[in-house]
Each structure stands twice: as structure tokens, then as C-alpha cells.
C-alpha atoms as a PDB file:
ATOM      1  CA  MET A   1      10.387  47.470 237.902  1.00  0.00           C
ATOM      2  CA  ALA A   2      12.237  48.034 234.600  1.00  0.00           C
ATOM      3  CA  ASP A   3      15.592  46.447 233.911  1.00  0.00           C
ATOM      4  CA  ALA A   4      18.342  49.005 234.596  1.00  0.00           C
ATOM      5  CA  THR A   5      20.983  47.500 232.275  1.00  0.00           C
ATOM      6  CA  PRO A   6      21.863  49.700 229.302  1.00  0.00           C
ATOM      7  CA  PRO A   7      21.305  48.339 225.793  1.00  0.00           C
ATOM      8  CA  LYS A   8      24.320  46.549 224.392  1.00  0.00           C
ATOM      9  CA  ALA A   9      26.050  47.908 221.299  1.00  0.00           C
ATOM     10  CA  ALA A  10      26.130  46.015 218.007  1.00  0.00           C
ATOM     11  CA  GLY A  11      28.419  43.025 217.815  1.00  0.00           C
ATOM     12  CA  LYS A  12      29.483  40.605 220.519  1.00  0.00           C
ATOM     13  CA  ASP A  13      32.499  41.397 222.662  1.00  0.00           C
ATOM     14  CA  ASP A  14      34.837  39.178 220.639  1.00  0.00           C
ATOM     15  CA  GLU A  15      33.552  40.674 217.357  1.00  0.00           C
ATOM     16  CA  ARG A  16      34.152  44.175 218.668  1.00  0.00           C
ATOM     17  CA  LEU A  17      37.701  43.355 219.750  1.00  0.00           C
ATOM     18  CA  ILE A  18      38.549  41.716 216.410  1.00  0.00           C
ATOM     19  CA  ALA A  19      36.951  44.649 214.540  1.00  0.00           C
ATOM     20  CA  ALA A  20      39.003  47.128 216.580  1.00  0.00           C
ATOM     21  CA  LEU A  21      42.203  45.218 215.846  1.00  0.00           C
ATOM     22  CA  ALA A  22      41.408  45.603 212.130  1.00  0.00           C
ATOM     23  CA  TYR A  23      42.812  49.122 212.363  1.00  0.00           C
ATOM     24  CA  ILE A  24      46.179  47.617 213.335  1.00  0.00           C
ATOM     25  CA  ILE A  25      46.101  44.363 211.326  1.00  0.00           C
ATOM     26  CA  PHE A  26      43.360  44.802 208.718  1.00  0.00           C
ATOM     27  CA  PHE A  27      43.288  41.164 207.568  1.00  0.00           C
ATOM     28  CA  LEU A  28      42.633  39.713 211.043  1.00  0.00           C
ATOM     29  CA  PRO A  29      38.807  39.830 210.732  1.00  0.00           C
ATOM     30  CA  MET A  30      39.065  38.220 207.299  1.00  0.00           C
ATOM     31  CA  ILE A  31      40.686  35.206 208.932  1.00  0.00           C
ATOM     32  CA  VAL A  32      38.878  35.012 212.282  1.00  0.00           C
ATOM     33  CA  LYS A  33      35.409  36.585 211.771  1.00  0.00           C
ATOM     34  CA  ARG A  34      34.744  36.335 208.034  1.00  0.00           C
ATOM     35  CA  ASP A  35      31.001  35.759 208.615  1.00  0.00           C
ATOM     36  CA  SER A  36      30.581  38.936 210.713  1.00  0.00           C
ATOM     37  CA  ASP A  37      29.381  41.938 208.703  1.00  0.00           C
ATOM     38  CA  PHE A  38      30.406  44.199 211.579  1.00  0.00           C
ATOM     39  CA  ALA A  39      34.004  42.922 211.667  1.00  0.00           C
ATOM     40  CA  MET A  40      34.291  42.967 207.863  1.00  0.00           C
ATOM     41  CA  PHE A  41      33.067  46.588 207.764  1.00  0.00           C
ATOM     42  CA  HIS A  42      35.949  47.595 210.019  1.00  0.00           C
ATOM     43  CA  ALA A  43      38.421  45.382 208.122  1.00  0.00           C
ATOM     44  CA  LYS A  44      37.565  47.244 204.912  1.00  0.00           C
ATOM     45  CA  GLN A  45      38.028  50.586 206.626  1.00  0.00           C
ATOM     46  CA  GLY A  46      41.348  49.394 208.071  1.00  0.00           C
ATOM     47  CA  LEU A  47      42.479  48.402 204.580  1.00  0.00           C
ATOM     48  CA  VAL A  48      41.514  51.798 203.131  1.00  0.00           C
ATOM     49  CA  LEU A  49      43.313  53.558 205.981  1.00  0.00           C
ATOM     50  CA  LEU A  50      46.440  51.491 205.341  1.00  0.00           C
ATOM     51  CA  LEU A  51      46.344  52.228 201.595  1.00  0.00           C
ATOM     52  CA  VAL A  52      45.844  55.949 202.178  1.00  0.00           C
ATOM     53  CA  SER A  53      48.690  55.950 204.691  1.00  0.00           C
ATOM     54  CA  VAL A  54      51.173  54.129 202.441  1.00  0.00           C
ATOM     55  CA  ILE A  55      50.310  55.975 199.222  1.00  0.00           C
ATOM     56  CA  GLY A  56      50.111  59.382 200.895  1.00  0.00           C
ATOM     57  CA  SER A  57      53.411  58.906 202.728  1.00  0.00           C
ATOM     58  CA  PHE A  58      55.072  57.722 199.524  1.00  0.00           C
ATOM     59  CA  ILE A  59      53.874  60.727 197.543  1.00  0.00           C
ATOM     60  CA  LEU A  60      54.644  63.283 200.253  1.00  0.00           C
ATOM     61  CA  GLY A  61      58.058  61.721 200.839  1.00  0.00           C
ATOM     62  CA  PHE A  62      59.058  62.469 197.252  1.00  0.00           C
ATOM     63  CA  ILE A  63      58.042  66.139 197.344  1.00  0.00           C
ATOM     64  CA  PRO A  64      61.028  68.102 198.615  1.00  0.00           C
ATOM     65  CA  ILE A  65      60.604  70.498 201.534  1.00  0.00           C
ATOM     66  CA  ILE A  66      56.821  71.130 201.309  1.00  0.00           C
ATOM     67  CA  GLY A  67      55.992  67.424 201.228  1.00  0.00           C
ATOM     68  CA  TRP A  68      58.387  66.770 204.066  1.00  0.00           C
ATOM     69  CA  MET A  69      56.734  69.493 206.118  1.00  0.00           C
ATOM     70  CA  ILE A  70      53.217  68.159 205.433  1.00  0.00           C
ATOM     71  CA  LEU A  71      54.140  64.512 206.104  1.00  0.00           C
ATOM     72  CA  PRO A  72      54.024  64.754 209.949  1.00  0.00           C
ATOM     73  CA  LEU A  73      50.575  66.385 209.790  1.00  0.00           C
ATOM     74  CA  PHE A  74      49.398  63.705 207.359  1.00  0.00           C
ATOM     75  CA  SER A  75      50.726  60.986 209.673  1.00  0.00           C
ATOM     76  CA  LEU A  76      48.939  62.580 212.626  1.00  0.00           C
ATOM     77  CA  ALA A  77      45.671  62.687 210.645  1.00  0.00           C
ATOM     78  CA  VAL A  78      46.020  58.987 209.736  1.00  0.00           C
ATOM     79  CA  PHE A  79      46.722  58.154 213.383  1.00  0.00           C
ATOM     80  CA  ILE A  80      43.638  60.089 214.521  1.00  0.00           C
ATOM     81  CA  LEU A  81      41.454  58.309 211.952  1.00  0.00           C
ATOM     82  CA  GLY A  82      42.826  54.966 213.142  1.00  0.00           C
ATOM     83  CA  VAL A  83      42.037  55.799 216.773  1.00  0.00           C
ATOM     84  CA  MET A  84      38.529  56.935 215.794  1.00  0.00           C
ATOM     85  CA  GLY A  85      37.903  53.652 213.984  1.00  0.00           C
ATOM     86  CA  PHE A  86      39.370  51.637 216.851  1.00  0.00           C
ATOM     87  CA  ILE A  87      37.119  53.358 219.388  1.00  0.00           C
ATOM     88  CA  ASN A  88      34.043  53.038 217.168  1.00  0.00           C
ATOM     89  CA  ALA A  89      34.666  49.311 216.779  1.00  0.00           C
ATOM     90  CA  LEU A  90      35.161  48.793 220.516  1.00  0.00           C
ATOM     91  CA  ASN A  91      31.918  50.670 221.180  1.00  0.00           C
ATOM     92  CA  GLY A  92      30.063  48.531 218.640  1.00  0.00           C
ATOM     93  CA  LYS A  93      29.442  51.400 216.228  1.00  0.00           C
ATOM     94  CA  GLN A  94      29.510  50.912 212.486  1.00  0.00           C
ATOM     95  CA  VAL A  95      30.357  54.494 211.495  1.00  0.00           C
ATOM     96  CA  GLU A  96      32.291  55.462 208.368  1.00  0.00           C
ATOM     97  CA  LEU A  97      35.539  57.312 208.975  1.00  0.00           C
ATOM     98  CA  PRO A  98      35.583  60.927 207.764  1.00  0.00           C
ATOM     99  CA  LEU A  99      37.023  61.515 204.278  1.00  0.00           C
ATOM    100  CA  ILE A 100      37.964  57.889 203.528  1.00  0.00           C
ATOM    101  CA  GLY A 101      35.141  55.751 204.949  1.00  0.00           C
ATOM    102  CA  SER A 102      32.980  55.884 201.816  1.00  0.00           C
ATOM    103  CA  TYR A 103      35.723  54.184 199.775  1.00  0.00           C
ATOM    104  CA  ALA A 104      35.642  51.100 202.004  1.00  0.00           C
ATOM    105  CA  SER A 105      32.285  49.996 200.610  1.00  0.00           C
ATOM    106  CA  ASN A 106      33.920  49.558 197.172  1.00  0.00           C
ATOM    107  CA  PHE A 107      35.889  46.550 198.403  1.00  0.00           C
ATOM    108  CA  LYS A 108      34.184  43.190 197.987  1.00  0.00           C
ATOM    109  CA  PHE A 109      35.762  40.370 199.991  1.00  0.00           C
END
């Protein structure tokens, strides 16, 4: 009889947890799991998400009225991207985030 256990996703449980936390504290995998390509992939995406969030909020905050109206939608979009990355990491998936994920591969650390 065949084994009924489903195939396990990429990355061990501790790697997946550390990779998911990269979307909250991006440098955590760089300290704890530096040798894990999976964790570093998510650390780079967490860094790009943080940079986009800070720069975008800064720019929109200086644009009177229109920028202030767009800022909550921008913040919601950043939050959604962070949740998507967090869930992908917990599920062991190494999927680029929409719109910003391709920029993460430019970082070498």
C-alpha cells in the first residue's frame, strides 16, 4: 500500500518560520539561517517590501491631499504583500511577490 502522507514543502519547519518572520524583521534570516537559500530569498523580499513601504510612505506623505488620500490604500497594498509573503514562506513556497519580487534578486548578501 502507498504511503498516504502528503509531500512536504520546501524548507524545514524552522527555516519556514524564520523565512516567514523575514516579512516582519527582514534581517532575522541573515543572522539565524544565513546558509539557507530559502530563508535568504524571503529576507531579500522582506527588505524590498520594507524599502518600498518607507520610500512610498515618505513620498506620498509629502504630496498634499491626493498623496494623503492614496497613502491608506498604499499601506493596505504593502500589508497585503507582506501577508502573501508570510503565507508563502510558511507553506514552503519560494514565489516572488507581485510588482516588487523581481527587485529582490538584485540584492547580494
